[in-house]
Each structure stands twice: as structure tokens, then as C-alpha cells.
């Protein structure tokens, strides 16, 4: 399976980076073809420019500035997101990736004024995330990142495709044992992908 892994963390020595390495290695070990998209390492610009917004609905011109990323998304059969949750949201670089790459004609199309999903070639979606706080705190604010994956992105991929959300909560009080256990869980899930 061709899997696009989208990684969003600026620090190469972080626990999130260790998760990213585990995801990529475990998927490859399982025999998958992995397109490893490290947004920070690639210098992805998350800012949707004025010009891009003006041409947002101009298909296919709307993808001109991000064509390589569009092609990577369109070539994928599965998508794995690896990122921290900051301020109960996505890192800005990942939000910008969605704003600039998940475009009309790419992730959705308009038909008679209605939005229709366009990523039916994506047959599986997984997010591997970390939260600084406890699960109850995320629930208290509605856990927006979980909803983005389980509702928004799910609606754009193949109907009834499996969606997994692997989260390590309470990183502020995590221990070597909790981090090791989560790494092992992620490795096992990716090897079964």
C-alpha cells in the first residue's frame, strides 16, 4: 500500500520525532511504500497567500503553488498524520497544509452547490498524536483535533474506510514507561496497518 505520512514537529529530538521514526520504520517493515512528508524539514510554507485565496476555486490553477504536495496526496492509498496537539489544535504548519493542499478539485469538488468528497482513493486514515494535558481536559474543550480526523477528514476519504486515532495524553507528566508503552503500541498498530 502507498502511504503518505505527514509529520509536523520542528524538533528532531522530540518524542513526536521518535513517534514519527517508529511510524515510518514500522510501516516499511510491514512492506508498505511510504512517502514520508516532514513538513518542517521540507520547509513547507503554511501561509495561504492572498493570490492563492483569490484563485481558490480556479481548478486546476489553484494547485499551482503546491502541485508536488497535491500529487503526493493523490498518489496515496492511505494517510497517516503524526503531530502534537498544541493549544487544543493542530500545529500551524499542519493546518496550513490542509488549507493549501486540500483544495477544491483535490480533496473535494462542488456539484450543484454541494460539497462532494474527492479522496476516495484514501482507504485508511490514522493519526498519531500527543497532548500535553490529560484526556479530560481535551474532552472539556471538545477535542477539536480528534474531531478533525474522525469527522472532517473521514468525510473526505473512501466511505466507511477505517480511521484510527492513537493518542498519548498528559505528556506534561509522562514517564519513560508511559512513552515506551505508547511507542510499542504505535509500532504494533503500524505493523498491522
N, C-alpha and C. Protein backbone atom coordinates (compact mmCIF):
# COMPACT_ATOMS: atom_id res chain seq x y z
N UNK A 1 0.85 -1.17 0.00
CA UNK A 1 0.00 0.00 0.00
C UNK A 1 0.89 1.24 0.00
N UNK A 2 0.51 2.26 -0.76
CA UNK A 2 1.24 3.54 -0.77
C UNK A 2 0.66 4.43 0.33
N UNK A 3 1.51 4.78 1.29
CA UNK A 3 1.05 5.53 2.46
C UNK A 3 1.78 6.86 2.53
N UNK A 4 1.02 7.94 2.60
CA UNK A 4 1.58 9.27 2.82
C UNK A 4 1.58 9.53 4.32
N UNK A 5 2.78 9.70 4.88
CA UNK A 5 2.93 10.05 6.29
C UNK A 5 3.21 11.55 6.34
N UNK A 6 2.37 12.30 7.02
CA UNK A 6 2.57 13.74 7.16
C UNK A 6 2.95 14.02 8.61
N UNK A 7 4.17 14.52 8.78
CA UNK A 7 4.75 14.76 10.10
C UNK A 7 4.89 16.25 10.34
N UNK A 8 4.48 16.71 11.53
CA UNK A 8 4.52 18.14 11.84
C UNK A 8 5.06 18.37 13.24
N UNK A 9 6.37 18.50 13.36
CA UNK A 9 7.01 18.90 14.62
C UNK A 9 8.39 19.45 14.28
N UNK A 10 8.77 20.59 14.87
CA UNK A 10 10.03 21.24 14.48
C UNK A 10 11.28 20.70 15.15
N UNK A 11 11.13 19.85 16.17
CA UNK A 11 12.30 19.42 16.94
C UNK A 11 12.61 17.95 16.66
N UNK A 12 13.77 17.71 16.09
CA UNK A 12 14.15 16.35 15.69
C UNK A 12 14.47 15.42 16.85
N UNK A 13 14.63 15.98 18.06
CA UNK A 13 14.91 15.14 19.23
C UNK A 13 13.68 14.97 20.13
N UNK A 14 12.53 15.40 19.67
CA UNK A 14 11.30 15.32 20.47
C UNK A 14 10.74 13.90 20.50
N UNK A 15 9.85 13.65 21.46
CA UNK A 15 9.13 12.38 21.49
C UNK A 15 8.29 12.22 20.23
N UNK A 16 7.74 13.32 19.73
CA UNK A 16 6.96 13.26 18.50
C UNK A 16 7.84 12.78 17.34
N UNK A 17 9.10 13.22 17.30
CA UNK A 17 10.02 12.74 16.27
C UNK A 17 10.28 11.24 16.42
N UNK A 18 10.37 10.77 17.66
CA UNK A 18 10.54 9.33 17.89
C UNK A 18 9.31 8.57 17.39
N UNK A 19 8.13 9.12 17.61
CA UNK A 19 6.91 8.50 17.09
C UNK A 19 6.93 8.46 15.57
N UNK A 20 7.34 9.56 14.97
CA UNK A 20 7.43 9.64 13.51
C UNK A 20 8.36 8.55 12.97
N UNK A 21 9.55 8.43 13.55
CA UNK A 21 10.50 7.40 13.11
C UNK A 21 9.91 6.00 13.28
N UNK A 22 9.21 5.78 14.37
CA UNK A 22 8.58 4.48 14.62
C UNK A 22 7.50 4.20 13.59
N UNK A 23 6.68 5.19 13.28
CA UNK A 23 5.63 5.03 12.27
C UNK A 23 6.23 4.63 10.93
N UNK A 24 7.20 5.40 10.47
CA UNK A 24 7.80 5.15 9.15
C UNK A 24 8.48 3.78 9.11
N UNK A 25 9.30 3.48 10.12
CA UNK A 25 10.02 2.20 10.15
C UNK A 25 9.06 1.02 10.21
N UNK A 26 8.02 1.13 11.03
CA UNK A 26 7.07 0.02 11.19
C UNK A 26 6.25 -0.21 9.93
N UNK A 27 5.84 0.87 9.27
CA UNK A 27 5.11 0.72 8.00
C UNK A 27 5.99 0.07 6.94
N UNK A 28 7.23 0.50 6.86
CA UNK A 28 8.15 -0.10 5.88
C UNK A 28 8.42 -1.56 6.22
N UNK A 29 8.58 -1.87 7.49
CA UNK A 29 8.79 -3.24 7.93
C UNK A 29 7.62 -4.12 7.49
N UNK A 30 6.42 -3.56 7.50
CA UNK A 30 5.23 -4.30 7.09
C UNK A 30 5.10 -4.41 5.57
N UNK A 31 6.04 -3.79 4.84
CA UNK A 31 6.05 -3.92 3.39
C UNK A 31 5.36 -2.81 2.62
N UNK A 32 4.98 -1.75 3.31
CA UNK A 32 4.31 -0.64 2.63
C UNK A 32 5.31 0.30 1.96
N UNK A 33 4.85 0.97 0.94
CA UNK A 33 5.61 2.03 0.30
C UNK A 33 5.26 3.33 1.01
N UNK A 34 6.25 3.96 1.63
CA UNK A 34 5.99 5.14 2.46
C UNK A 34 6.54 6.40 1.81
N UNK A 35 5.68 7.38 1.65
CA UNK A 35 6.09 8.73 1.24
C UNK A 35 6.11 9.55 2.53
N UNK A 36 7.31 9.82 3.01
CA UNK A 36 7.50 10.49 4.30
C UNK A 36 7.58 12.00 4.10
N UNK A 37 6.52 12.69 4.43
CA UNK A 37 6.43 14.14 4.26
C UNK A 37 6.63 14.84 5.60
N UNK A 38 7.86 15.28 5.85
CA UNK A 38 8.21 16.01 7.08
C UNK A 38 8.07 17.50 6.75
N UNK A 39 6.96 18.09 7.15
CA UNK A 39 6.64 19.46 6.75
C UNK A 39 7.72 20.46 7.15
N UNK A 40 8.26 20.35 8.35
CA UNK A 40 9.30 21.29 8.77
C UNK A 40 10.59 21.06 8.00
N UNK A 41 11.02 19.82 7.87
CA UNK A 41 12.27 19.52 7.15
C UNK A 41 12.18 19.94 5.69
N UNK A 42 10.99 19.85 5.11
CA UNK A 42 10.82 20.23 3.71
C UNK A 42 10.60 21.73 3.54
N UNK A 43 10.50 22.45 4.64
CA UNK A 43 10.29 23.90 4.56
C UNK A 43 8.93 24.28 4.00
N UNK A 44 7.91 23.47 4.29
CA UNK A 44 6.57 23.77 3.79
C UNK A 44 6.10 25.12 4.32
N UNK A 45 5.60 25.97 3.43
CA UNK A 45 5.07 27.27 3.81
C UNK A 45 3.57 27.12 4.08
N UNK A 46 3.13 27.27 5.33
CA UNK A 46 1.73 27.05 5.65
C UNK A 46 0.80 28.23 5.34
N UNK A 47 1.35 29.34 4.89
CA UNK A 47 0.55 30.55 4.72
C UNK A 47 -0.18 30.55 3.38
N UNK A 48 -1.50 30.57 3.45
CA UNK A 48 -2.32 30.72 2.26
C UNK A 48 -2.24 32.18 1.84
N UNK A 49 -1.66 32.43 0.69
CA UNK A 49 -1.45 33.81 0.25
C UNK A 49 -2.75 34.43 -0.27
N UNK A 50 -2.71 35.74 -0.42
CA UNK A 50 -3.85 36.46 -0.99
C UNK A 50 -4.16 35.92 -2.38
N UNK A 51 -3.13 35.75 -3.19
CA UNK A 51 -3.28 35.26 -4.56
C UNK A 51 -3.91 33.85 -4.57
N UNK A 52 -3.44 33.00 -3.66
CA UNK A 52 -4.00 31.64 -3.60
C UNK A 52 -5.47 31.67 -3.19
N UNK A 53 -5.81 32.54 -2.28
CA UNK A 53 -7.21 32.61 -1.85
C UNK A 53 -8.10 33.14 -2.98
N UNK A 54 -7.59 34.13 -3.72
CA UNK A 54 -8.36 34.67 -4.84
C UNK A 54 -8.64 33.61 -5.90
N UNK A 55 -7.70 32.65 -6.06
CA UNK A 55 -7.84 31.60 -7.09
C UNK A 55 -8.21 30.24 -6.49
N UNK A 56 -8.70 30.26 -5.26
CA UNK A 56 -9.00 29.02 -4.53
C UNK A 56 -9.93 28.08 -5.31
N UNK A 57 -10.92 28.61 -5.99
CA UNK A 57 -11.88 27.79 -6.72
C UNK A 57 -11.55 27.65 -8.20
N UNK A 58 -10.40 28.16 -8.64
CA UNK A 58 -9.99 28.06 -10.04
C UNK A 58 -9.22 26.76 -10.26
N UNK A 59 -9.93 25.74 -10.70
CA UNK A 59 -9.34 24.41 -10.89
C UNK A 59 -8.85 24.31 -12.33
N UNK A 60 -7.65 23.85 -12.59
CA UNK A 60 -6.62 23.34 -11.69
C UNK A 60 -5.58 24.39 -11.29
N UNK A 61 -5.78 25.64 -11.65
CA UNK A 61 -4.79 26.68 -11.32
C UNK A 61 -4.58 26.82 -9.81
N UNK A 62 -5.58 26.46 -9.01
CA UNK A 62 -5.49 26.64 -7.55
C UNK A 62 -4.37 25.80 -6.93
N UNK A 63 -3.89 24.80 -7.62
CA UNK A 63 -2.86 23.93 -7.05
C UNK A 63 -1.45 24.28 -7.52
N UNK A 64 -1.30 25.32 -8.30
CA UNK A 64 0.00 25.65 -8.92
C UNK A 64 1.14 25.74 -7.90
N UNK A 65 0.92 26.41 -6.78
CA UNK A 65 1.99 26.61 -5.80
C UNK A 65 2.26 25.40 -4.91
N UNK A 66 1.37 24.42 -4.94
CA UNK A 66 1.53 23.24 -4.08
C UNK A 66 1.40 21.94 -4.87
N UNK A 67 1.59 22.00 -6.16
CA UNK A 67 1.40 20.83 -7.03
C UNK A 67 2.14 19.58 -6.56
N UNK A 68 3.40 19.67 -6.12
CA UNK A 68 4.07 18.44 -5.67
C UNK A 68 3.36 17.79 -4.47
N UNK A 69 2.83 18.60 -3.56
CA UNK A 69 2.10 18.05 -2.41
C UNK A 69 0.76 17.47 -2.84
N UNK A 70 0.11 18.11 -3.78
CA UNK A 70 -1.15 17.58 -4.31
C UNK A 70 -0.90 16.22 -4.94
N UNK A 71 0.16 16.11 -5.73
CA UNK A 71 0.46 14.84 -6.39
C UNK A 71 0.75 13.74 -5.38
N UNK A 72 1.44 14.09 -4.31
CA UNK A 72 1.73 13.10 -3.27
C UNK A 72 0.45 12.62 -2.61
N UNK A 73 -0.47 13.54 -2.33
CA UNK A 73 -1.75 13.18 -1.74
C UNK A 73 -2.56 12.31 -2.69
N UNK A 74 -2.59 12.68 -3.95
CA UNK A 74 -3.37 11.93 -4.93
C UNK A 74 -2.79 10.55 -5.21
N UNK A 75 -1.50 10.37 -4.99
CA UNK A 75 -0.86 9.06 -5.20
C UNK A 75 -1.05 8.11 -4.03
N UNK A 76 -1.43 8.64 -2.89
CA UNK A 76 -1.53 7.83 -1.67
C UNK A 76 -2.79 6.97 -1.65
N UNK A 77 -2.64 5.81 -1.02
CA UNK A 77 -3.79 4.94 -0.77
C UNK A 77 -4.21 5.00 0.69
N UNK A 78 -3.32 5.55 1.52
CA UNK A 78 -3.62 5.73 2.95
C UNK A 78 -2.88 6.96 3.44
N UNK A 79 -3.34 7.48 4.55
CA UNK A 79 -2.78 8.70 5.12
C UNK A 79 -2.56 8.50 6.61
N UNK A 80 -1.34 8.84 7.07
CA UNK A 80 -1.01 8.79 8.49
C UNK A 80 -0.50 10.17 8.90
N UNK A 81 -1.14 10.77 9.88
CA UNK A 81 -0.73 12.07 10.41
C UNK A 81 0.00 11.85 11.72
N UNK A 82 1.14 12.50 11.89
CA UNK A 82 1.92 12.38 13.12
C UNK A 82 2.21 13.79 13.60
N UNK A 83 1.60 14.17 14.73
CA UNK A 83 1.74 15.56 15.19
C UNK A 83 1.36 15.71 16.65
N UNK A 84 1.86 16.76 17.28
CA UNK A 84 1.40 17.09 18.63
C UNK A 84 0.10 17.88 18.55
N UNK A 85 -0.57 17.95 19.68
CA UNK A 85 -1.72 18.84 19.82
C UNK A 85 -1.24 20.01 20.66
N UNK A 86 -1.33 21.19 20.07
CA UNK A 86 -0.89 22.41 20.75
C UNK A 86 -2.08 23.33 20.92
N UNK A 87 -2.31 23.80 22.13
CA UNK A 87 -3.43 24.69 22.42
C UNK A 87 -4.74 24.11 21.90
N UNK A 88 -4.89 22.81 22.09
CA UNK A 88 -6.09 22.08 21.68
C UNK A 88 -6.35 22.17 20.19
N UNK A 89 -5.28 22.32 19.41
CA UNK A 89 -5.43 22.39 17.96
C UNK A 89 -4.25 21.76 17.25
N UNK A 90 -4.28 21.85 15.94
CA UNK A 90 -3.20 21.34 15.11
C UNK A 90 -2.04 22.33 15.10
N UNK A 91 -0.81 21.86 14.93
CA UNK A 91 0.28 22.80 14.69
C UNK A 91 -0.04 23.64 13.44
N UNK A 92 0.35 24.89 13.46
CA UNK A 92 0.02 25.81 12.36
C UNK A 92 0.47 25.28 11.01
N UNK A 93 1.62 24.62 10.97
CA UNK A 93 2.14 24.12 9.70
C UNK A 93 1.22 23.03 9.12
N UNK A 94 0.64 22.21 9.98
CA UNK A 94 -0.28 21.17 9.51
C UNK A 94 -1.62 21.78 9.10
N UNK A 95 -2.10 22.75 9.85
CA UNK A 95 -3.34 23.44 9.46
C UNK A 95 -3.14 24.11 8.10
N UNK A 96 -1.97 24.72 7.91
CA UNK A 96 -1.66 25.33 6.63
C UNK A 96 -1.58 24.32 5.50
N UNK A 97 -1.08 23.13 5.80
CA UNK A 97 -1.04 22.05 4.80
C UNK A 97 -2.46 21.73 4.33
N UNK A 98 -3.38 21.60 5.28
CA UNK A 98 -4.77 21.34 4.90
C UNK A 98 -5.36 22.52 4.12
N UNK A 99 -5.09 23.75 4.56
CA UNK A 99 -5.62 24.93 3.88
C UNK A 99 -5.12 25.03 2.44
N UNK A 100 -3.85 24.71 2.22
CA UNK A 100 -3.23 24.92 0.91
C UNK A 100 -3.29 23.70 -0.01
N UNK A 101 -3.40 22.49 0.52
CA UNK A 101 -3.34 21.29 -0.31
C UNK A 101 -4.71 20.61 -0.46
N UNK A 102 -5.54 20.65 0.55
CA UNK A 102 -6.87 20.05 0.48
C UNK A 102 -7.82 21.05 -0.18
N UNK A 103 -7.66 21.18 -1.47
CA UNK A 103 -8.30 22.22 -2.28
C UNK A 103 -9.53 21.70 -3.03
N UNK A 104 -10.34 22.63 -3.54
CA UNK A 104 -11.39 22.23 -4.48
C UNK A 104 -10.73 21.53 -5.67
N UNK A 105 -11.30 20.41 -6.07
CA UNK A 105 -10.72 19.64 -7.16
C UNK A 105 -9.68 18.64 -6.67
N UNK A 106 -9.28 18.74 -5.41
CA UNK A 106 -8.32 17.81 -4.83
C UNK A 106 -9.03 16.97 -3.76
N UNK A 107 -9.34 17.58 -2.62
CA UNK A 107 -9.99 16.81 -1.55
C UNK A 107 -11.51 16.84 -1.64
N UNK A 108 -12.03 17.79 -2.38
CA UNK A 108 -13.48 17.86 -2.58
C UNK A 108 -13.77 18.54 -3.91
N UNK A 109 -14.99 18.39 -4.35
CA UNK A 109 -15.45 19.07 -5.57
C UNK A 109 -16.84 19.63 -5.30
N UNK A 110 -17.18 20.64 -6.05
CA UNK A 110 -18.51 21.24 -5.91
C UNK A 110 -19.40 20.71 -7.03
N UNK A 111 -20.57 20.20 -6.67
CA UNK A 111 -21.55 19.74 -7.64
C UNK A 111 -22.89 20.36 -7.29
N UNK A 112 -23.38 21.22 -8.17
CA UNK A 112 -24.66 21.90 -7.95
C UNK A 112 -24.72 22.59 -6.60
N UNK A 113 -23.61 23.24 -6.22
CA UNK A 113 -23.54 23.99 -4.98
C UNK A 113 -23.31 23.14 -3.74
N UNK A 114 -23.10 21.84 -3.91
CA UNK A 114 -22.87 20.96 -2.78
C UNK A 114 -21.44 20.41 -2.82
N UNK A 115 -20.86 20.27 -1.62
CA UNK A 115 -19.51 19.73 -1.49
C UNK A 115 -19.58 18.21 -1.57
N UNK A 116 -18.73 17.64 -2.44
CA UNK A 116 -18.65 16.18 -2.59
C UNK A 116 -17.21 15.75 -2.30
N UNK A 117 -17.02 14.71 -1.50
CA UNK A 117 -15.66 14.24 -1.18
C UNK A 117 -14.95 13.75 -2.43
N UNK A 118 -13.64 13.89 -2.43
CA UNK A 118 -12.88 13.58 -3.63
C UNK A 118 -11.66 12.70 -3.36
N UNK A 119 -11.49 12.24 -2.13
CA UNK A 119 -10.30 11.44 -1.79
C UNK A 119 -10.68 9.97 -1.55
N UNK A 120 -11.52 9.43 -2.40
CA UNK A 120 -11.98 8.05 -2.20
C UNK A 120 -10.87 7.03 -2.43
N UNK A 121 -9.74 7.44 -2.98
CA UNK A 121 -8.61 6.53 -3.13
C UNK A 121 -7.86 6.33 -1.81
N UNK A 122 -8.14 7.18 -0.81
CA UNK A 122 -7.57 7.02 0.53
C UNK A 122 -8.46 6.01 1.26
N UNK A 123 -7.92 4.81 1.51
CA UNK A 123 -8.71 3.72 2.07
C UNK A 123 -8.48 3.49 3.56
N UNK A 124 -7.58 4.28 4.15
CA UNK A 124 -7.34 4.17 5.59
C UNK A 124 -6.70 5.48 6.06
N UNK A 125 -7.06 5.88 7.28
CA UNK A 125 -6.55 7.11 7.86
C UNK A 125 -6.22 6.85 9.33
N UNK A 126 -5.03 7.26 9.74
CA UNK A 126 -4.63 7.14 11.13
C UNK A 126 -3.94 8.42 11.57
N UNK A 127 -4.18 8.83 12.79
CA UNK A 127 -3.45 9.95 13.40
C UNK A 127 -2.73 9.42 14.63
N UNK A 128 -1.47 9.85 14.78
CA UNK A 128 -0.65 9.51 15.94
C UNK A 128 -0.28 10.83 16.60
N UNK A 129 -0.87 11.10 17.76
CA UNK A 129 -0.77 12.43 18.35
C UNK A 129 -0.38 12.38 19.82
N UNK A 130 0.10 13.51 20.30
CA UNK A 130 0.39 13.67 21.72
C UNK A 130 -0.30 14.94 22.22
N UNK A 131 -0.72 14.88 23.47
CA UNK A 131 -1.36 16.00 24.14
C UNK A 131 -0.55 16.32 25.40
N UNK A 132 -0.37 17.59 25.70
CA UNK A 132 0.31 17.97 26.93
C UNK A 132 -0.50 17.65 28.16
N UNK A 133 -1.82 17.82 28.06
CA UNK A 133 -2.70 17.63 29.20
C UNK A 133 -3.42 16.29 29.19
N UNK A 134 -4.22 16.10 30.22
CA UNK A 134 -4.99 14.86 30.39
C UNK A 134 -6.16 14.79 29.41
N UNK A 135 -6.65 13.60 29.20
CA UNK A 135 -7.79 13.37 28.29
C UNK A 135 -9.00 14.19 28.71
N UNK A 136 -9.27 14.30 30.00
CA UNK A 136 -10.46 15.04 30.44
C UNK A 136 -10.38 16.50 30.05
N UNK A 137 -9.16 17.07 29.99
CA UNK A 137 -9.02 18.47 29.57
C UNK A 137 -9.36 18.62 28.10
N UNK A 138 -8.89 17.68 27.29
CA UNK A 138 -9.22 17.71 25.86
C UNK A 138 -10.73 17.57 25.66
N UNK A 139 -11.33 16.65 26.39
CA UNK A 139 -12.78 16.47 26.28
C UNK A 139 -13.53 17.72 26.70
N UNK A 140 -13.00 18.41 27.70
CA UNK A 140 -13.64 19.62 28.20
C UNK A 140 -13.77 20.73 27.16
N UNK A 141 -12.87 20.74 26.20
CA UNK A 141 -12.95 21.75 25.13
C UNK A 141 -13.42 21.15 23.81
N UNK A 142 -13.88 19.90 23.86
CA UNK A 142 -14.45 19.28 22.66
C UNK A 142 -13.46 18.51 21.81
N UNK A 143 -12.18 18.50 22.19
CA UNK A 143 -11.13 17.75 21.48
C UNK A 143 -11.16 18.00 19.97
N UNK A 144 -10.96 19.26 19.55
CA UNK A 144 -11.03 19.58 18.12
C UNK A 144 -10.13 18.73 17.21
N UNK A 145 -8.87 18.41 17.58
CA UNK A 145 -8.05 17.62 16.66
C UNK A 145 -8.65 16.23 16.38
N UNK A 146 -9.21 15.61 17.41
CA UNK A 146 -9.85 14.30 17.21
C UNK A 146 -11.03 14.44 16.25
N UNK A 147 -11.81 15.51 16.40
CA UNK A 147 -12.97 15.72 15.52
C UNK A 147 -12.53 16.00 14.08
N UNK A 148 -11.42 16.70 13.91
CA UNK A 148 -10.93 16.95 12.55
C UNK A 148 -10.62 15.63 11.86
N UNK A 149 -9.97 14.73 12.57
CA UNK A 149 -9.63 13.43 11.98
C UNK A 149 -10.87 12.56 11.81
N UNK A 150 -11.62 12.40 12.88
CA UNK A 150 -12.72 11.44 12.87
C UNK A 150 -13.97 11.92 12.13
N UNK A 151 -14.09 13.22 11.92
CA UNK A 151 -15.29 13.74 11.24
C UNK A 151 -14.95 14.41 9.92
N UNK A 152 -14.08 15.43 9.97
CA UNK A 152 -13.80 16.22 8.76
C UNK A 152 -13.03 15.41 7.73
N UNK A 153 -11.89 14.86 8.12
CA UNK A 153 -11.08 14.09 7.17
C UNK A 153 -11.78 12.79 6.78
N UNK A 154 -12.42 12.14 7.72
CA UNK A 154 -13.16 10.90 7.41
C UNK A 154 -14.18 11.15 6.30
N UNK A 155 -14.82 12.30 6.31
CA UNK A 155 -15.85 12.61 5.31
C UNK A 155 -15.27 12.80 3.91
N UNK A 156 -13.95 13.01 3.82
CA UNK A 156 -13.34 13.27 2.52
C UNK A 156 -12.74 12.02 1.88
N UNK A 157 -12.52 10.95 2.66
CA UNK A 157 -11.89 9.75 2.13
C UNK A 157 -12.95 8.72 1.75
N UNK A 158 -12.50 7.52 1.38
CA UNK A 158 -13.42 6.46 0.98
C UNK A 158 -14.46 6.22 2.07
N UNK A 159 -15.73 6.16 1.71
CA UNK A 159 -16.77 5.91 2.72
C UNK A 159 -16.51 4.60 3.47
N UNK A 160 -16.69 4.66 4.76
CA UNK A 160 -16.52 3.53 5.67
C UNK A 160 -15.08 3.04 5.79
N UNK A 161 -14.14 3.83 5.32
CA UNK A 161 -12.73 3.47 5.49
C UNK A 161 -12.38 3.52 6.97
N UNK A 162 -11.50 2.61 7.44
CA UNK A 162 -11.12 2.64 8.85
C UNK A 162 -10.34 3.90 9.21
N UNK A 163 -10.67 4.46 10.35
CA UNK A 163 -9.99 5.65 10.87
C UNK A 163 -9.56 5.36 12.30
N UNK A 164 -8.26 5.51 12.56
CA UNK A 164 -7.73 5.28 13.90
C UNK A 164 -7.14 6.58 14.44
N UNK A 165 -7.25 6.74 15.75
CA UNK A 165 -6.71 7.92 16.42
C UNK A 165 -5.95 7.44 17.64
N UNK A 166 -4.63 7.43 17.53
CA UNK A 166 -3.76 6.95 18.60
C UNK A 166 -3.21 8.15 19.35
N UNK A 167 -3.58 8.30 20.59
CA UNK A 167 -3.21 9.50 21.35
C UNK A 167 -2.51 9.15 22.66
N UNK A 168 -1.44 9.86 22.90
CA UNK A 168 -0.75 9.78 24.20
C UNK A 168 -1.07 11.08 24.93
N UNK A 169 -1.87 10.98 25.98
CA UNK A 169 -2.28 12.15 26.75
C UNK A 169 -1.32 12.40 27.90
N UNK A 170 -1.39 13.62 28.41
CA UNK A 170 -0.68 14.02 29.63
C UNK A 170 0.84 13.92 29.50
N UNK A 171 1.35 14.38 28.35
CA UNK A 171 2.79 14.38 28.13
C UNK A 171 3.53 15.20 29.19
N UNK A 172 2.85 16.19 29.77
CA UNK A 172 3.50 17.02 30.79
C UNK A 172 3.89 16.21 32.03
N UNK A 173 3.22 15.07 32.23
CA UNK A 173 3.53 14.21 33.37
C UNK A 173 3.88 12.79 32.92
N UNK A 174 4.28 12.64 31.66
CA UNK A 174 4.59 11.31 31.16
C UNK A 174 5.88 10.80 31.78
N UNK A 175 6.06 9.51 31.69
CA UNK A 175 7.27 8.88 32.21
C UNK A 175 7.91 8.08 31.08
N UNK A 176 9.11 7.61 31.31
CA UNK A 176 9.77 6.74 30.33
C UNK A 176 8.89 5.52 30.05
N UNK A 177 8.26 5.01 31.09
CA UNK A 177 7.40 3.83 30.93
C UNK A 177 6.18 4.12 30.07
N UNK A 178 5.51 5.26 30.30
CA UNK A 178 4.30 5.56 29.50
C UNK A 178 4.68 5.85 28.05
N UNK A 179 5.80 6.53 27.85
CA UNK A 179 6.23 6.82 26.48
C UNK A 179 6.65 5.54 25.76
N UNK A 180 7.37 4.68 26.44
CA UNK A 180 7.80 3.41 25.83
C UNK A 180 6.59 2.54 25.46
N UNK A 181 5.61 2.51 26.35
CA UNK A 181 4.41 1.72 26.08
C UNK A 181 3.66 2.27 24.86
N UNK A 182 3.60 3.59 24.74
CA UNK A 182 2.90 4.18 23.60
C UNK A 182 3.68 3.92 22.31
N UNK A 183 5.00 4.04 22.34
CA UNK A 183 5.82 3.73 21.16
C UNK A 183 5.58 2.29 20.71
N UNK A 184 5.52 1.38 21.66
CA UNK A 184 5.29 -0.03 21.33
C UNK A 184 3.90 -0.22 20.72
N UNK A 185 2.91 0.47 21.26
CA UNK A 185 1.54 0.39 20.73
C UNK A 185 1.50 0.90 19.29
N UNK A 186 2.15 2.04 19.06
CA UNK A 186 2.18 2.62 17.71
C UNK A 186 2.90 1.68 16.74
N UNK A 187 4.03 1.14 17.15
CA UNK A 187 4.77 0.21 16.28
C UNK A 187 3.89 -0.98 15.91
N UNK A 188 3.20 -1.56 16.88
CA UNK A 188 2.34 -2.70 16.62
C UNK A 188 1.20 -2.35 15.67
N UNK A 189 0.59 -1.18 15.88
CA UNK A 189 -0.52 -0.76 15.00
C UNK A 189 -0.03 -0.52 13.57
N UNK A 190 1.14 0.07 13.41
CA UNK A 190 1.66 0.33 12.08
C UNK A 190 2.08 -0.97 11.38
N UNK A 191 2.59 -1.92 12.13
CA UNK A 191 2.97 -3.20 11.53
C UNK A 191 1.75 -3.99 11.09
N UNK A 192 0.58 -3.71 11.69
CA UNK A 192 -0.69 -4.36 11.29
C UNK A 192 -1.45 -3.53 10.25
N UNK A 193 -0.95 -2.41 9.86
CA UNK A 193 -1.67 -1.44 9.03
C UNK A 193 -2.22 -2.07 7.76
